[in-house]
PDB file of N, CA and C in Angstrom:
ATOM      1  N   MET A   1       1.183  -1.253   0.287  1.00  0.00           N
ATOM      2  CA  MET A   1      -0.204  -0.056   0.228  1.00  0.00           C
ATOM      3  C   MET A   1       1.564   1.130   0.166  1.00  0.00           C
ATOM      4  N   GLU A   2       0.575   1.973  -1.020  1.00  0.00           N
ATOM      5  CA  GLU A   2       1.658   3.111  -1.052  1.00  0.00           C
ATOM      6  C   GLU A   2       0.909   4.633  -0.401  1.00  0.00           C
ATOM      7  N   LEU A   3       0.649   5.237   0.445  1.00  0.00           N
ATOM      8  CA  LEU A   3       0.917   6.098   1.057  1.00  0.00           C
ATOM      9  C   LEU A   3       0.528   7.251   0.607  1.00  0.00           C
ATOM     10  N   ALA A   4       1.347   7.882  -0.552  1.00  0.00           N
ATOM     11  CA  ALA A   4       1.365   8.935  -1.309  1.00  0.00           C
ATOM     12  C   ALA A   4       0.074   8.601  -2.430  1.00  0.00           C
ATOM     13  N   GLU A   5      -0.242   7.071  -2.829  1.00  0.00           N
ATOM     14  CA  GLU A   5      -1.346   7.418  -3.722  1.00  0.00           C
ATOM     15  C   GLU A   5      -2.594   7.685  -2.891  1.00  0.00           C
ATOM     16  N   ILE A   6      -2.177   6.607  -1.370  1.00  0.00           N
ATOM     17  CA  ILE A   6      -4.291   6.800  -0.787  1.00  0.00           C
ATOM     18  C   ILE A   6      -4.015   8.894  -0.620  1.00  0.00           C
ATOM     19  N   PHE A   7      -2.499   9.518  -0.505  1.00  0.00           N
ATOM     20  CA  PHE A   7      -3.669  10.734  -0.369  1.00  0.00           C
ATOM     21  C   PHE A   7      -3.170  10.926  -1.357  1.00  0.00           C
ATOM     22  N   ARG A   8      -3.147  11.153  -1.893  1.00  0.00           N
ATOM     23  CA  ARG A   8      -3.868  11.526  -3.873  1.00  0.00           C
ATOM     24  C   ARG A   8      -4.924  11.417  -3.591  1.00  0.00           C
ATOM     25  N   ALA A   9      -5.712  10.266  -3.986  1.00  0.00           N
ATOM     26  CA  ALA A   9      -6.636   9.848  -4.027  1.00  0.00           C
ATOM     27  C   ALA A   9      -7.276  10.362  -3.290  1.00  0.00           C
ATOM     28  N   LEU A  10      -7.444  10.828  -2.144  1.00  0.00           N
ATOM     29  CA  LEU A  10      -8.577  11.320  -1.073  1.00  0.00           C
ATOM     30  C   LEU A  10      -7.609  13.214  -0.481  1.00  0.00           C
ATOM     31  N   ALA A  11      -7.116  13.307  -1.667  1.00  0.00           N
ATOM     32  CA  ALA A  11      -6.828  15.259  -1.568  1.00  0.00           C
ATOM     33  C   ALA A  11      -7.867  15.957  -2.810  1.00  0.00           C
ATOM     34  N   ASN A  12      -9.064  14.889  -3.028  1.00  0.00           N
ATOM     35  CA  ASN A  12     -10.179  16.075  -3.553  1.00  0.00           C
ATOM     36  C   ASN A  12     -11.413  15.765  -4.206  1.00  0.00           C
ATOM     37  N   ASP A  13     -11.689  17.025  -3.901  1.00  0.00           N
ATOM     38  CA  ASP A  13     -13.674  16.920  -3.050  1.00  0.00           C
ATOM     39  C   ASP A  13     -14.086  15.824  -3.695  1.00  0.00           C
ATOM     40  N   LYS A  14     -14.010  16.052  -5.310  1.00  0.00           N
ATOM     41  CA  LYS A  14     -14.742  14.805  -6.422  1.00  0.00           C
ATOM     42  C   LYS A  14     -14.893  13.215  -5.664  1.00  0.00           C
ATOM     43  N   ARG A  15     -13.481  12.966  -5.570  1.00  0.00           N
ATOM     44  CA  ARG A  15     -12.721  11.932  -5.321  1.00  0.00           C
ATOM     45  C   ARG A  15     -13.236  10.648  -4.191  1.00  0.00           C
ATOM     46  N   LEU A  16     -13.542  12.557  -2.871  1.00  0.00           N
ATOM     47  CA  LEU A  16     -14.690  12.237  -1.962  1.00  0.00           C
ATOM     48  C   LEU A  16     -15.488  11.393  -1.848  1.00  0.00           C
ATOM     49  N   GLN A  17     -16.329  12.360  -2.771  1.00  0.00           N
ATOM     50  CA  GLN A  17     -17.985  12.079  -2.904  1.00  0.00           C
ATOM     51  C   GLN A  17     -18.545  10.862  -2.886  1.00  0.00           C
ATOM     52  N   ILE A  18     -17.680  10.571  -3.955  1.00  0.00           N
ATOM     53  CA  ILE A  18     -17.092   9.060  -5.034  1.00  0.00           C
ATOM     54  C   ILE A  18     -17.489   8.447  -3.736  1.00  0.00           C
ATOM     55  N   LEU A  19     -16.814   8.100  -3.079  1.00  0.00           N
ATOM     56  CA  LEU A  19     -16.797   7.423  -2.200  1.00  0.00           C
ATOM     57  C   LEU A  19     -18.160   7.012  -1.090  1.00  0.00           C
ATOM     58  N   GLU A  20     -18.183   7.990  -0.610  1.00  0.00           N
ATOM     59  CA  GLU A  20     -19.245   8.499   0.151  1.00  0.00           C
ATOM     60  C   GLU A  20     -20.442   7.659  -0.892  1.00  0.00           C
ATOM     61  N   TRP A  21     -21.045   8.272  -1.740  1.00  0.00           N
ATOM     62  CA  TRP A  21     -22.144   7.501  -2.327  1.00  0.00           C
ATOM     63  C   TRP A  21     -22.110   6.243  -2.269  1.00  0.00           C
ATOM     64  N   LEU A  22     -20.562   5.683  -2.536  1.00  0.00           N
ATOM     65  CA  LEU A  22     -20.226   4.697  -3.097  1.00  0.00           C
ATOM     66  C   LEU A  22     -20.377   3.332  -1.987  1.00  0.00           C
ATOM     67  N   LYS A  23     -19.835   3.674  -0.911  1.00  0.00           N
ATOM     68  CA  LYS A  23     -20.282   3.626   0.142  1.00  0.00           C
ATOM     69  C   LYS A  23     -21.897   3.069   0.658  1.00  0.00           C
ATOM     70  N   ASP A  24     -22.988   4.059   0.203  1.00  0.00           N
ATOM     71  CA  ASP A  24     -24.247   3.163   0.362  1.00  0.00           C
ATOM     72  C   ASP A  24     -24.549   3.071  -0.901  1.00  0.00           C
ATOM     73  N   PRO A  25     -24.933   2.200  -1.814  1.00  0.00           N
ATOM     74  CA  PRO A  25     -24.766   2.886  -3.742  1.00  0.00           C
ATOM     75  C   PRO A  25     -26.660   3.361  -3.548  1.00  0.00           C
ATOM     76  N   VAL A  26     -26.842   2.300  -3.120  1.00  0.00           N
ATOM     77  CA  VAL A  26     -28.747   1.999  -3.033  1.00  0.00           C
ATOM     78  C   VAL A  26     -28.902   3.193  -3.028  1.00  0.00           C
ATOM     79  N   ALA A  27     -28.684   4.146  -1.886  1.00  0.00           N
ATOM     80  CA  ALA A  27     -29.095   5.535  -1.503  1.00  0.00           C
ATOM     81  C   ALA A  27     -29.545   7.031  -2.446  1.00  0.00           C
ATOM     82  N   HIS A  28     -28.014   6.482  -2.974  1.00  0.00           N
ATOM     83  CA  HIS A  28     -27.590   7.621  -4.042  1.00  0.00           C
ATOM     84  C   HIS A  28     -26.906   7.092  -5.994  1.00  0.00           C
ATOM     85  N   PHE A  29     -27.821   5.415  -6.489  1.00  0.00           N
ATOM     86  CA  PHE A  29     -27.806   5.942  -7.705  1.00  0.00           C
ATOM     87  C   PHE A  29     -29.509   4.991  -8.149  1.00  0.00           C
ATOM     88  N   PRO A  30     -29.914   5.166  -9.002  1.00  0.00           N
ATOM     89  CA  PRO A  30     -31.107   3.961  -9.690  1.00  0.00           C
ATOM     90  C   PRO A  30     -30.480   2.861  -9.735  1.00  0.00           C
ATOM     91  N   PRO A  31     -31.770   1.875  -9.523  1.00  0.00           N
ATOM     92  CA  PRO A  31     -31.306   0.755 -10.429  1.00  0.00           C
ATOM     93  C   PRO A  31     -30.566   0.415 -11.154  1.00  0.00           C
ATOM     94  N   GLN A  32     -30.400  -0.337 -11.937  1.00  0.00           N
ATOM     95  CA  GLN A  32     -29.125  -1.054 -12.636  1.00  0.00           C
ATOM     96  C   GLN A  32     -30.039  -1.460 -13.246  1.00  0.00           C
ATOM     97  N   VAL A  33     -29.822  -1.709 -15.266  1.00  0.00           N
ATOM     98  CA  VAL A  33     -30.261  -2.786 -15.379  1.00  0.00           C
ATOM     99  C   VAL A  33     -29.361  -3.585 -16.018  1.00  0.00           C
ATOM    100  N   ASP A  34     -27.986  -3.802 -15.363  1.00  0.00           N
ATOM    101  CA  ASP A  34     -27.064  -5.096 -16.047  1.00  0.00           C
ATOM    102  C   ASP A  34     -26.191  -5.033 -14.471  1.00  0.00           C
ATOM    103  N   GLY A  35     -25.683  -5.467 -13.466  1.00  0.00           N
ATOM    104  CA  GLY A  35     -25.144  -5.216 -12.326  1.00  0.00           C
ATOM    105  C   GLY A  35     -25.288  -5.163 -11.591  1.00  0.00           C
ATOM    106  N   ASP A  36     -25.961  -5.679  -9.827  1.00  0.00           N
ATOM    107  CA  ASP A  36     -25.853  -4.889  -8.695  1.00  0.00           C
ATOM    108  C   ASP A  36     -25.173  -4.277  -8.580  1.00  0.00           C
ATOM    109  N   LEU A  37     -26.080  -2.801  -7.582  1.00  0.00           N
ATOM    110  CA  LEU A  37     -25.737  -2.179  -7.571  1.00  0.00           C
ATOM    111  C   LEU A  37     -24.326  -2.708  -5.995  1.00  0.00           C
ATOM    112  N   VAL A  38     -25.213  -3.138  -5.576  1.00  0.00           N
ATOM    113  CA  VAL A  38     -24.431  -3.494  -3.723  1.00  0.00           C
ATOM    114  C   VAL A  38     -22.888  -4.815  -4.704  1.00  0.00           C
ATOM    115  N   GLU A  39     -23.729  -5.051  -4.899  1.00  0.00           N
ATOM    116  CA  GLU A  39     -22.693  -6.986  -5.205  1.00  0.00           C
ATOM    117  C   GLU A  39     -20.899  -6.005  -6.995  1.00  0.00           C
ATOM    118  N   ASP A  40     -22.263  -5.480  -8.016  1.00  0.00           N
ATOM    119  CA  ASP A  40     -21.559  -5.556  -8.492  1.00  0.00           C
ATOM    120  C   ASP A  40     -20.488  -3.992  -9.054  1.00  0.00           C
ATOM    121  N   GLY A  41     -21.157  -3.716  -8.179  1.00  0.00           N
ATOM    122  CA  GLY A  41     -20.374  -1.098  -8.434  1.00  0.00           C
ATOM    123  C   GLY A  41     -21.527  -0.908  -9.478  1.00  0.00           C
ATOM    124  N   VAL A  42     -21.298   0.350  -9.142  1.00  0.00           N
ATOM    125  CA  VAL A  42     -22.068   1.788  -9.157  1.00  0.00           C
ATOM    126  C   VAL A  42     -21.489   1.597 -10.882  1.00  0.00           C
ATOM    127  N   CYS A  43     -22.076   1.630 -12.023  1.00  0.00           N
ATOM    128  CA  CYS A  43     -21.627   1.610 -13.427  1.00  0.00           C
ATOM    129  C   CYS A  43     -21.358   3.347 -13.559  1.00  0.00           C
ATOM    130  N   GLY A  44     -19.897   3.598 -14.145  1.00  0.00           N
ATOM    131  CA  GLY A  44     -19.118   4.530 -14.131  1.00  0.00           C
ATOM    132  C   GLY A  44     -20.137   6.276 -15.143  1.00  0.00           C
ATOM    133  N   LEU A  45     -21.071   5.320 -16.033  1.00  0.00           N
ATOM    134  CA  LEU A  45     -21.486   6.711 -16.479  1.00  0.00           C
ATOM    135  C   LEU A  45     -22.790   7.021 -15.341  1.00  0.00           C
ATOM    136  N   PHE A  46     -23.875   5.785 -14.518  1.00  0.00           N
ATOM    137  CA  PHE A  46     -23.883   6.780 -13.456  1.00  0.00           C
ATOM    138  C   PHE A  46     -23.679   8.028 -12.032  1.00  0.00           C
ATOM    139  N   ILE A  47     -22.219   7.124 -12.204  1.00  0.00           N
ATOM    140  CA  ILE A  47     -21.641   8.321 -11.122  1.00  0.00           C
ATOM    141  C   ILE A  47     -21.135   9.404 -12.107  1.00  0.00           C
ATOM    142  N   ALA A  48     -20.519   9.144 -13.398  1.00  0.00           N
ATOM    143  CA  ALA A  48     -20.422  10.681 -14.224  1.00  0.00           C
ATOM    144  C   ALA A  48     -21.912  11.289 -14.117  1.00  0.00           C
ATOM    145  N   ASN A  49     -22.299  10.902 -14.467  1.00  0.00           N
ATOM    146  CA  ASN A  49     -24.572  11.915 -14.273  1.00  0.00           C
ATOM    147  C   ASN A  49     -24.336  12.493 -13.130  1.00  0.00           C
ATOM    148  N   LYS A  50     -24.258  11.476 -11.709  1.00  0.00           N
ATOM    149  CA  LYS A  50     -24.439  12.309 -10.527  1.00  0.00           C
ATOM    150  C   LYS A  50     -23.438  14.095 -10.297  1.00  0.00           C
ATOM    151  N   LEU A  51     -22.402  13.486 -10.723  1.00  0.00           N
ATOM    152  CA  LEU A  51     -21.146  14.225 -10.669  1.00  0.00           C
ATOM    153  C   LEU A  51     -21.215  15.470 -11.686  1.00  0.00           C
ATOM    154  N   ASP A  52     -21.623  15.110 -12.616  1.00  0.00           N
ATOM    155  CA  ASP A  52     -21.555  16.586 -13.360  1.00  0.00           C
ATOM    156  C   ASP A  52     -20.307  16.010 -14.175  1.00  0.00           C
ATOM    157  N   VAL A  53     -19.649  15.306 -14.735  1.00  0.00           N
ATOM    158  CA  VAL A  53     -18.883  15.262 -15.382  1.00  0.00           C
ATOM    159  C   VAL A  53     -18.492  14.596 -16.410  1.00  0.00           C
ATOM    160  N   SER A  54     -17.882  14.590 -16.992  1.00  0.00           N
ATOM    161  CA  SER A  54     -18.172  13.471 -18.589  1.00  0.00           C
ATOM    162  C   SER A  54     -17.155  12.782 -18.283  1.00  0.00           C
ATOM    163  N   ALA A  55     -17.436  11.720 -19.167  1.00  0.00           N
ATOM    164  CA  ALA A  55     -16.937  10.056 -19.037  1.00  0.00           C
ATOM    165  C   ALA A  55     -15.181  10.077 -18.764  1.00  0.00           C
ATOM    166  N   PRO A  56     -14.763  10.660 -19.602  1.00  0.00           N
ATOM    167  CA  PRO A  56     -13.503  10.783 -19.996  1.00  0.00           C
ATOM    168  C   PRO A  56     -12.675  11.542 -18.118  1.00  0.00           C
ATOM    169  N   THR A  57     -13.633  12.465 -18.143  1.00  0.00           N
ATOM    170  CA  THR A  57     -12.958  12.936 -16.903  1.00  0.00           C
ATOM    171  C   THR A  57     -13.434  11.900 -15.217  1.00  0.00           C
ATOM    172  N   LEU A  58     -14.227  11.636 -15.612  1.00  0.00           N
ATOM    173  CA  LEU A  58     -14.499  10.529 -14.059  1.00  0.00           C
ATOM    174  C   LEU A  58     -13.865   9.466 -14.617  1.00  0.00           C
ATOM    175  N   SER A  59     -13.059   8.933 -14.964  1.00  0.00           N
ATOM    176  CA  SER A  59     -12.670   7.574 -15.970  1.00  0.00           C
ATOM    177  C   SER A  59     -11.066   8.214 -15.468  1.00  0.00           C
ATOM    178  N   GLU A  60     -10.515   8.788 -14.613  1.00  0.00           N
ATOM    179  CA  GLU A  60      -9.056   9.597 -14.309  1.00  0.00           C
ATOM    180  C   GLU A  60      -9.565   9.372 -13.142  1.00  0.00           C
ATOM    181  N   HIS A  61     -10.372  10.238 -12.466  1.00  0.00           N
ATOM    182  CA  HIS A  61     -11.231  10.019 -10.585  1.00  0.00           C
ATOM    183  C   HIS A  61     -10.718   8.894 -10.692  1.00  0.00           C
ATOM    184  N   MET A  62     -12.032   7.715 -11.198  1.00  0.00           N
ATOM    185  CA  MET A  62     -11.529   6.523 -11.025  1.00  0.00           C
ATOM    186  C   MET A  62     -10.625   5.757 -11.238  1.00  0.00           C
ATOM    187  N   LYS A  63      -9.810   6.721 -12.021  1.00  0.00           N
ATOM    188  CA  LYS A  63      -7.905   5.048 -12.193  1.00  0.00           C
ATOM    189  C   LYS A  63      -7.193   5.794 -10.988  1.00  0.00           C
ATOM    190  N   VAL A  64      -7.852   6.141 -10.673  1.00  0.00           N
ATOM    191  CA  VAL A  64      -6.855   7.214  -9.218  1.00  0.00           C
ATOM    192  C   VAL A  64      -6.950   6.841  -7.997  1.00  0.00           C
ATOM    193  N   LEU A  65      -8.757   6.424  -8.350  1.00  0.00           N
ATOM    194  CA  LEU A  65      -8.626   5.546  -6.619  1.00  0.00           C
ATOM    195  C   LEU A  65      -8.847   3.968  -6.490  1.00  0.00           C
ATOM    196  N   VAL A  66      -8.569   3.824  -8.303  1.00  0.00           N
ATOM    197  CA  VAL A  66      -8.179   2.890  -8.097  1.00  0.00           C
ATOM    198  C   VAL A  66      -6.674   2.180  -7.932  1.00  0.00           C
ATOM    199  N   ASN A  67      -5.963   2.955  -8.847  1.00  0.00           N
ATOM    200  CA  ASN A  67      -4.404   2.697  -8.492  1.00  0.00           C
ATOM    201  C   ASN A  67      -4.415   2.662  -6.774  1.00  0.00           C
ATOM    202  N   ALA A  68      -4.665   3.566  -6.166  1.00  0.00           N
ATOM    203  CA  ALA A  68      -5.127   3.468  -4.343  1.00  0.00           C
ATOM    204  C   ALA A  68      -5.155   2.095  -3.765  1.00  0.00           C
ATOM    205  N   GLY A  69      -6.148   1.703  -4.965  1.00  0.00           N
ATOM    206  CA  GLY A  69      -6.532   0.114  -4.196  1.00  0.00           C
ATOM    207  C   GLY A  69      -7.765   0.906  -3.694  1.00  0.00           C
ATOM    208  N   LEU A  70      -8.515   1.605  -3.363  1.00  0.00           N
ATOM    209  CA  LEU A  70      -9.439   2.086  -2.172  1.00  0.00           C
ATOM    210  C   LEU A  70     -11.422   1.545  -3.382  1.00  0.00           C
ATOM    211  N   VAL A  71     -10.851   1.813  -4.777  1.00  0.00           N
ATOM    212  CA  VAL A  71     -12.414   1.529  -4.909  1.00  0.00           C
ATOM    213  C   VAL A  71     -11.545  -0.079  -6.616  1.00  0.00           C
ATOM    214  N   THR A  72     -12.221  -0.900  -5.961  1.00  0.00           N
ATOM    215  CA  THR A  72     -12.472  -2.326  -7.738  1.00  0.00           C
ATOM    216  C   THR A  72     -12.924  -1.926  -9.127  1.00  0.00           C
ATOM    217  N   PRO A  73     -12.368  -2.119 -10.027  1.00  0.00           N
ATOM    218  CA  PRO A  73     -13.509  -2.132 -11.078  1.00  0.00           C
ATOM    219  C   PRO A  73     -14.302  -3.407 -11.307  1.00  0.00           C
ATOM    220  N   LYS A  74     -14.991  -3.648 -12.313  1.00  0.00           N
ATOM    221  CA  LYS A  74     -15.243  -4.627 -12.948  1.00  0.00           C
ATOM    222  C   LYS A  74     -16.156  -4.252 -14.557  1.00  0.00           C
ATOM    223  N   ARG A  75     -15.837  -5.353 -14.673  1.00  0.00           N
ATOM    224  CA  ARG A  75     -17.134  -5.082 -16.794  1.00  0.00           C
ATOM    225  C   ARG A  75     -17.216  -5.785 -16.579  1.00  0.00           C
ATOM    226  N   ILE A  76     -19.100  -5.121 -16.771  1.00  0.00           N
ATOM    227  CA  ILE A  76     -19.998  -5.905 -16.870  1.00  0.00           C
ATOM    228  C   ILE A  76     -20.569  -5.843 -18.220  1.00  0.00           C
ATOM    229  N   LYS A  77     -20.344  -6.469 -19.889  1.00  0.00           N
ATOM    230  CA  LYS A  77     -20.546  -6.183 -21.244  1.00  0.00           C
ATOM    231  C   LYS A  77     -19.735  -4.893 -21.606  1.00  0.00           C
ATOM    232  N   GLN A  78     -20.162  -3.993 -22.078  1.00  0.00           N
ATOM    233  CA  GLN A  78     -19.342  -2.747 -22.308  1.00  0.00           C
ATOM    234  C   GLN A  78     -18.811  -2.395 -21.250  1.00  0.00           C
ATOM    235  N   TRP A  79     -19.122  -1.894 -19.970  1.00  0.00           N
ATOM    236  CA  TRP A  79     -19.750  -0.978 -18.908  1.00  0.00           C
ATOM    237  C   TRP A  79     -18.461  -1.088 -17.547  1.00  0.00           C
ATOM    238  N   THR A  80     -17.595  -0.512 -17.132  1.00  0.00           N
ATOM    239  CA  THR A  80     -17.257  -0.627 -15.923  1.00  0.00           C
ATOM    240  C   THR A  80     -18.073  -0.259 -14.694  1.00  0.00           C
ATOM    241  N   PHE A  81     -18.184  -0.955 -13.749  1.00  0.00           N
ATOM    242  CA  PHE A  81     -18.640  -1.200 -12.801  1.00  0.00           C
ATOM    243  C   PHE A  81     -17.432  -0.391 -11.058  1.00  0.00           C
ATOM    244  N   TYR A  82     -18.297   0.069  -9.854  1.00  0.00           N
ATOM    245  CA  TYR A  82     -17.253   0.513  -9.159  1.00  0.00           C
ATOM    246  C   TYR A  82     -17.816   0.357  -7.758  1.00  0.00           C
ATOM    247  N   LYS A  83     -16.850  -0.171  -6.678  1.00  0.00           N
ATOM    248  CA  LYS A  83     -17.027  -0.563  -5.379  1.00  0.00           C
ATOM    249  C   LYS A  83     -16.448  -0.372  -4.620  1.00  0.00           C
ATOM    250  N   ARG A  84     -16.289   0.371  -3.816  1.00  0.00           N
ATOM    251  CA  ARG A  84     -15.617   0.435  -2.503  1.00  0.00           C
ATOM    252  C   ARG A  84     -14.127  -1.407  -2.074  1.00  0.00           C
ATOM    253  N   ASP A  85     -13.350  -0.730  -1.959  1.00  0.00           N
ATOM    254  CA  ASP A  85     -12.963  -1.851  -1.655  1.00  0.00           C
ATOM    255  C   ASP A  85     -12.938  -1.838   0.113  1.00  0.00           C
ATOM    256  N   GLU A  86     -14.080  -1.567   0.358  1.00  0.00           N
ATOM    257  CA  GLU A  86     -13.965  -1.991   2.078  1.00  0.00           C
ATOM    258  C   GLU A  86     -13.311  -2.807   3.035  1.00  0.00           C
ATOM    259  N   ALA A  87     -12.055  -3.170   3.257  1.00  0.00           N
ATOM    260  CA  ALA A  87     -10.772  -4.184   3.247  1.00  0.00           C
ATOM    261  C   ALA A  87      -9.431  -2.748   3.192  1.00  0.00           C
ATOM    262  N   MET A  88      -9.422  -2.720   1.591  1.00  0.00           N
ATOM    263  CA  MET A  88      -8.208  -1.560   1.400  1.00  0.00           C
ATOM    264  C   MET A  88      -8.048  -0.490   2.011  1.00  0.00           C
ATOM    265  N   LEU A  89      -9.374  -0.039   1.765  1.00  0.00           N
ATOM    266  CA  LEU A  89     -10.503   1.454   3.290  1.00  0.00           C
ATOM    267  C   LEU A  89      -9.586   1.802   4.398  1.00  0.00           C
ATOM    268  N   SER A  90     -10.126   0.353   5.233  1.00  0.00           N
ATOM    269  CA  SER A  90     -10.139   0.067   6.999  1.00  0.00           C
ATOM    270  C   SER A  90      -8.256   0.007   6.572  1.00  0.00           C
ATOM    271  N   GLN A  91      -7.240  -0.537   5.970  1.00  0.00           N
ATOM    272  CA  GLN A  91      -6.459  -0.696   6.427  1.00  0.00           C
ATOM    273  C   GLN A  91      -5.304   0.455   5.656  1.00  0.00           C
ATOM    274  N   ALA A  92      -6.484   1.299   4.790  1.00  0.00           N
ATOM    275  CA  ALA A  92      -5.853   2.820   4.304  1.00  0.00           C
ATOM    276  C   ALA A  92      -5.703   3.502   5.702  1.00  0.00           C
ATOM    277  N   LYS A  93      -6.596   4.001   6.197  1.00  0.00           N
ATOM    278  CA  LYS A  93      -7.028   4.032   7.523  1.00  0.00           C
ATOM    279  C   LYS A  93      -6.307   4.147   8.309  1.00  0.00           C
ATOM    280  N   LYS A  94      -6.974   2.998   9.236  1.00  0.00           N
ATOM    281  CA  LYS A  94      -4.880   2.994  10.308  1.00  0.00           C
ATOM    282  C   LYS A  94      -3.666   2.925   9.612  1.00  0.00           C
ATOM    283  N   ALA A  95      -3.385   2.751   8.589  1.00  0.00           N
ATOM    284  CA  ALA A  95      -1.842   3.527   7.521  1.00  0.00           C
ATOM    285  C   ALA A  95      -1.829   4.687   8.467  1.00  0.00           C
ATOM    286  N   ILE A  96      -2.259   5.917   8.076  1.00  0.00           N
ATOM    287  CA  ILE A  96      -2.802   6.872   8.123  1.00  0.00           C
ATOM    288  C   ILE A  96      -2.693   7.855   9.707  1.00  0.00           C
ATOM    289  N   GLN A  97      -3.472   7.026  10.128  1.00  0.00           N
ATOM    290  CA  GLN A  97      -3.679   6.715  12.073  1.00  0.00           C
ATOM    291  C   GLN A  97      -2.318   6.683  12.601  1.00  0.00           C
ATOM    292  N   SER A  98      -1.447   5.651  11.757  1.00  0.00           N
ATOM    293  CA  SER A  98      -0.113   4.991  12.182  1.00  0.00           C
ATOM    294  C   SER A  98       0.701   6.616  11.655  1.00  0.00           C
ATOM    295  N   GLN A  99       0.517   7.132  10.753  1.00  0.00           N
ATOM    296  CA  GLN A  99       1.414   7.970  11.160  1.00  0.00           C
ATOM    297  C   GLN A  99       1.316   9.773  11.131  1.00  0.00           C
ATOM    298  N   VAL A 100      -0.045   9.756  12.060  1.00  0.00           N
ATOM    299  CA  VAL A 100       0.372  11.203  12.524  1.00  0.00           C
ATOM    300  C   VAL A 100       0.274  11.213  13.006  1.00  0.00           C
TER     301      VAL A 100
END
């Protein structure tokens, strides 16, 4: 786990908002045709629409979150779905706390 990558991921308000929404996807996103919101994650297009950014901009945000290990991607058909990696988020929290 790279703390620098985690700090980079968390240093952006939009990425923090995405992580907050993904904590309870059913409360923040409509039902999906493909993929279960909880089991498979949220379609990137839903996240982009809610965040009011383009798909390429969302892709960059998600790349940072995935590289930090905080979010996992899953391909279903032509779509990418994202969900929080709760184990990594817990490890990241402990690592950050140990640095303070």
